[in-house]
Amino acid sequence: MKTYALVSSAVAPVALIGGWTLAAQRQPAGFDSTVDTISALAALGATDRWLMTVALLCVGVCHVVTALGLTPAAVAGRIVLALGGVATMLVAAFPLPVVGTSAAHAVVAGAAFGALSIWPALAWRRGRGPVALRPAVSFAAALVLLGLVGWFTVTLGTGARVGLAERMAAGAQSCWPLIVVLSTRLHRHREDFDPLTVKAEVDR
């Protein structure tokens, strides 16, 4: 695994959570993060919309960089993670209008949520690899992420705590690549100090 994957995977959740926190503070009184969406912070009529726009672009780039460097993960999972990053950047490129909705924004946002939910299920490896890349853990992570996105989807119809549901889903999606990277580094560290591994290298 490339060292830069650790940096990019750590920056992604910081940029996303920090971005929506700072952007929310710049909005007029009455803005409610549990009700209003992340996209509303980057919408054309939002105050200092550049804050959330830059944050989304940064998160997207980080996911692409992490996908490139996360070599222990299966190629299919890395490709979908990278596609999720590209879709996240497109969310910033197609903001919500001042009034109404945007079909383009809805499509790229849906693609981002979908890709960033299912990539763990495609990234697993057989054998005694990193815990976060074992089949059971990878599929469980994908189910949890899909469940959070499902919750967000339901709230879009009911209008109840839409912002909270979206932040829970997006926050979890931004953190999972970091968990995988840390798990991979921990696994490699243990292998380096495994007496059996060291003995095998000496016997060679």
Protein backbone atom coordinates (compact mmCIF):
# COMPACT_ATOMS: atom_id res chain seq x y z
CA MET A 1 0.00 0.00 0.00
CA LYS A 2 1.22 3.47 -0.85
CA THR A 3 1.96 5.84 2.03
CA TYR A 4 -0.03 8.66 0.46
CA ALA A 5 -3.20 6.59 0.86
CA LEU A 6 -2.99 7.15 4.61
CA VAL A 7 -2.85 10.92 4.14
CA SER A 8 -5.68 11.08 1.60
CA SER A 9 -7.95 8.74 3.58
CA ALA A 10 -7.40 10.81 6.74
CA VAL A 11 -8.01 14.13 5.01
CA ALA A 12 -11.35 13.05 3.47
CA PRO A 13 -13.46 12.88 6.68
CA VAL A 14 -11.75 15.96 8.11
CA ALA A 15 -12.54 17.94 4.96
CA LEU A 16 -16.13 16.73 4.78
CA ILE A 17 -17.08 17.15 8.43
CA GLY A 18 -15.04 20.32 8.82
CA GLY A 19 -16.55 21.70 5.61
CA TRP A 20 -20.17 21.17 6.58
CA THR A 21 -19.49 22.50 10.09
CA LEU A 22 -17.84 25.72 8.93
CA ALA A 23 -20.33 26.25 6.09
CA ALA A 24 -23.30 25.78 8.43
CA GLN A 25 -21.92 28.45 10.76
CA ARG A 26 -21.90 30.92 7.87
CA GLN A 27 -25.59 30.43 7.04
CA PRO A 28 -28.32 32.82 8.21
CA ALA A 29 -30.14 32.17 11.46
CA GLY A 30 -32.63 29.36 11.10
CA PHE A 31 -30.38 26.97 9.22
CA ASP A 32 -30.75 23.56 10.84
CA SER A 33 -28.12 20.91 10.11
CA THR A 34 -30.47 18.14 11.18
CA VAL A 35 -32.99 19.21 8.55
CA ASP A 36 -31.07 21.01 5.79
CA THR A 37 -28.84 18.95 3.50
CA ILE A 38 -25.13 19.16 2.80
CA SER A 39 -25.96 20.13 -0.77
CA ALA A 40 -27.86 23.16 0.52
CA LEU A 41 -24.56 24.49 1.87
CA ALA A 42 -23.08 24.45 -1.64
CA ALA A 43 -26.25 25.58 -3.41
CA LEU A 44 -26.15 28.68 -5.60
CA GLY A 45 -28.02 30.76 -3.04
CA ALA A 46 -26.03 29.67 0.02
CA THR A 47 -23.81 32.06 1.99
CA ASP A 48 -20.12 31.39 1.32
CA ARG A 49 -21.04 28.36 -0.75
CA TRP A 50 -17.40 28.02 -1.75
CA LEU A 51 -16.64 26.44 1.64
CA MET A 52 -18.75 23.36 1.01
CA THR A 53 -17.86 23.32 -2.67
CA VAL A 54 -14.13 23.15 -1.89
CA ALA A 55 -14.78 20.54 0.79
CA LEU A 56 -16.65 18.29 -1.68
CA LEU A 57 -13.93 18.67 -4.29
CA CYS A 58 -11.30 17.83 -1.70
CA VAL A 59 -13.18 14.74 -0.54
CA GLY A 60 -13.60 13.54 -4.10
CA VAL A 61 -9.91 13.95 -4.89
CA CYS A 62 -8.99 12.17 -1.66
CA HIS A 63 -11.13 9.16 -2.54
CA VAL A 64 -9.49 8.90 -5.96
CA VAL A 65 -6.00 9.15 -4.45
CA THR A 66 -6.86 6.58 -1.78
CA ALA A 67 -8.17 4.21 -4.44
CA LEU A 68 -4.89 4.51 -6.33
CA GLY A 69 -2.80 3.80 -3.26
CA LEU A 70 -4.88 1.10 -1.57
CA THR A 71 -3.16 -1.72 -3.46
CA PRO A 72 -4.05 -4.52 -0.98
CA ALA A 73 -7.75 -4.09 -1.85
CA ALA A 74 -9.25 -5.84 -4.87
CA VAL A 75 -9.11 -3.84 -8.09
CA ALA A 76 -12.90 -3.80 -8.52
CA GLY A 77 -13.38 -2.15 -5.14
CA ARG A 78 -10.68 0.42 -5.83
CA ILE A 79 -12.28 1.33 -9.15
CA VAL A 80 -15.69 1.84 -7.55
CA LEU A 81 -14.13 3.91 -4.75
CA ALA A 82 -12.46 6.10 -7.37
CA LEU A 83 -15.76 6.45 -9.25
CA GLY A 84 -17.37 7.51 -6.00
CA GLY A 85 -14.70 10.18 -5.65
CA VAL A 86 -15.31 11.45 -9.18
CA ALA A 87 -19.06 11.53 -8.56
CA THR A 88 -18.45 13.51 -5.36
CA MET A 89 -16.51 16.11 -7.33
CA LEU A 90 -19.38 16.28 -9.80
CA VAL A 91 -21.76 16.99 -6.91
CA ALA A 92 -19.76 20.17 -6.39
CA ALA A 93 -19.75 20.87 -10.13
CA PHE A 94 -23.55 20.58 -10.38
CA PRO A 95 -24.89 22.54 -7.38
CA LEU A 96 -28.50 22.93 -6.44
CA PRO A 97 -30.19 26.02 -7.93
CA VAL A 98 -31.46 28.88 -5.81
CA VAL A 99 -35.00 27.55 -6.17
CA GLY A 100 -36.10 24.01 -6.97
CA THR A 101 -34.04 20.94 -7.71
CA SER A 102 -31.50 19.80 -10.28
CA ALA A 103 -31.71 16.50 -12.15
CA ALA A 104 -27.96 16.51 -12.80
CA HIS A 105 -27.24 17.07 -9.11
CA ALA A 106 -29.59 14.26 -8.10
CA VAL A 107 -27.94 11.83 -10.54
CA VAL A 108 -24.35 12.50 -9.48
CA ALA A 109 -25.27 12.58 -5.78
CA GLY A 110 -27.02 9.23 -6.15
CA ALA A 111 -24.01 7.81 -7.98
CA ALA A 112 -21.67 9.04 -5.25
CA PHE A 113 -23.76 7.57 -2.44
CA GLY A 114 -24.16 4.30 -4.30
CA ALA A 115 -20.50 3.83 -5.22
CA LEU A 116 -19.22 4.81 -1.79
CA SER A 117 -21.63 2.32 -0.21
CA ILE A 118 -20.88 -0.76 -2.32
CA TRP A 119 -17.13 -0.48 -2.85
CA PRO A 120 -16.29 -2.40 0.36
CA ALA A 121 -18.23 -5.42 -0.94
CA LEU A 122 -15.96 -5.43 -4.01
CA ALA A 123 -12.66 -4.75 -2.22
CA TRP A 124 -12.31 -7.91 -0.11
CA ARG A 125 -9.49 -10.40 -0.44
CA ARG A 126 -9.32 -14.09 0.38
CA GLY A 127 -6.93 -15.36 3.01
CA ARG A 128 -5.62 -13.92 6.26
CA GLY A 129 -5.31 -10.36 5.05
CA PRO A 130 -6.23 -7.13 6.83
CA VAL A 131 -9.36 -7.49 8.97
CA ALA A 132 -11.18 -4.69 7.13
CA LEU A 133 -10.61 -6.46 3.80
CA ARG A 134 -11.87 -9.87 4.88
CA PRO A 135 -15.11 -10.94 3.16
CA ALA A 136 -17.38 -10.91 6.22
CA VAL A 137 -16.19 -7.48 7.36
CA SER A 138 -16.31 -6.00 3.86
CA PHE A 139 -19.86 -7.18 3.23
CA ALA A 140 -20.97 -6.05 6.69
CA ALA A 141 -19.50 -2.58 6.04
CA ALA A 142 -21.32 -2.35 2.71
CA LEU A 143 -24.62 -3.36 4.34
CA VAL A 144 -24.22 -0.73 7.06
CA LEU A 145 -23.38 1.98 4.54
CA LEU A 146 -26.28 0.98 2.31
CA GLY A 147 -28.55 0.98 5.35
CA LEU A 148 -27.55 4.54 6.22
CA VAL A 149 -28.14 5.64 2.63
CA GLY A 150 -31.51 3.89 2.76
CA TRP A 151 -32.38 5.83 5.90
CA PHE A 152 -31.40 9.06 4.12
CA THR A 153 -33.56 8.11 1.14
CA VAL A 154 -36.55 7.52 3.40
CA THR A 155 -36.10 10.90 5.08
CA LEU A 156 -36.11 12.60 1.69
CA GLY A 157 -39.69 11.41 1.34
CA THR A 158 -40.79 12.18 4.88
CA GLY A 159 -38.84 15.41 5.38
CA ALA A 160 -37.85 14.38 8.92
CA ARG A 161 -34.20 14.89 9.91
CA VAL A 162 -32.97 14.74 6.32
CA GLY A 163 -29.78 16.59 7.18
CA LEU A 164 -28.94 14.29 10.07
CA ALA A 165 -29.48 11.15 8.01
CA GLU A 166 -27.38 12.49 5.14
CA ARG A 167 -24.54 13.50 7.44
CA MET A 168 -24.55 10.10 9.12
CA ALA A 169 -24.37 8.34 5.75
CA ALA A 170 -21.80 10.65 4.17
CA GLY A 171 -19.69 10.74 7.32
CA ALA A 172 -19.56 6.96 7.57
CA GLN A 173 -18.68 6.66 3.89
CA SER A 174 -15.81 9.12 4.27
CA CYS A 175 -14.43 7.23 7.29
CA TRP A 176 -14.45 3.68 5.93
CA PRO A 177 -11.48 4.14 3.53
CA LEU A 178 -9.43 5.38 6.50
CA ILE A 179 -10.44 2.33 8.54
CA VAL A 180 -9.36 0.05 5.70
CA VAL A 181 -6.02 1.83 5.34
CA LEU A 182 -5.33 1.67 9.09
CA SER A 183 -6.30 -2.00 9.16
CA THR A 184 -3.93 -2.68 6.28
CA ARG A 185 -1.04 -0.88 7.96
CA LEU A 186 -1.68 -2.69 11.24
CA HIS A 187 -1.73 -6.03 9.44
CA ARG A 188 1.56 -5.25 7.72
CA HIS A 189 3.10 -4.13 11.02
CA ARG A 190 2.13 -7.40 12.66
CA GLU A 191 3.56 -9.39 9.76
CA ASP A 192 6.86 -7.53 10.05
CA PHE A 193 7.18 -8.56 13.69
CA ASP A 194 5.68 -12.04 13.43
CA PRO A 195 8.36 -14.47 14.71
CA LEU A 196 7.29 -17.14 12.22
CA THR A 197 7.60 -14.70 9.35
CA VAL A 198 11.01 -13.52 10.54
CA LYS A 199 12.19 -17.14 10.95
CA ALA A 200 11.04 -18.01 7.45
CA GLU A 201 12.97 -15.08 6.04
CA VAL A 202 16.09 -16.13 7.99
CA ASP A 203 15.80 -19.74 6.78
CA ARG A 204 15.79 -18.50 3.22
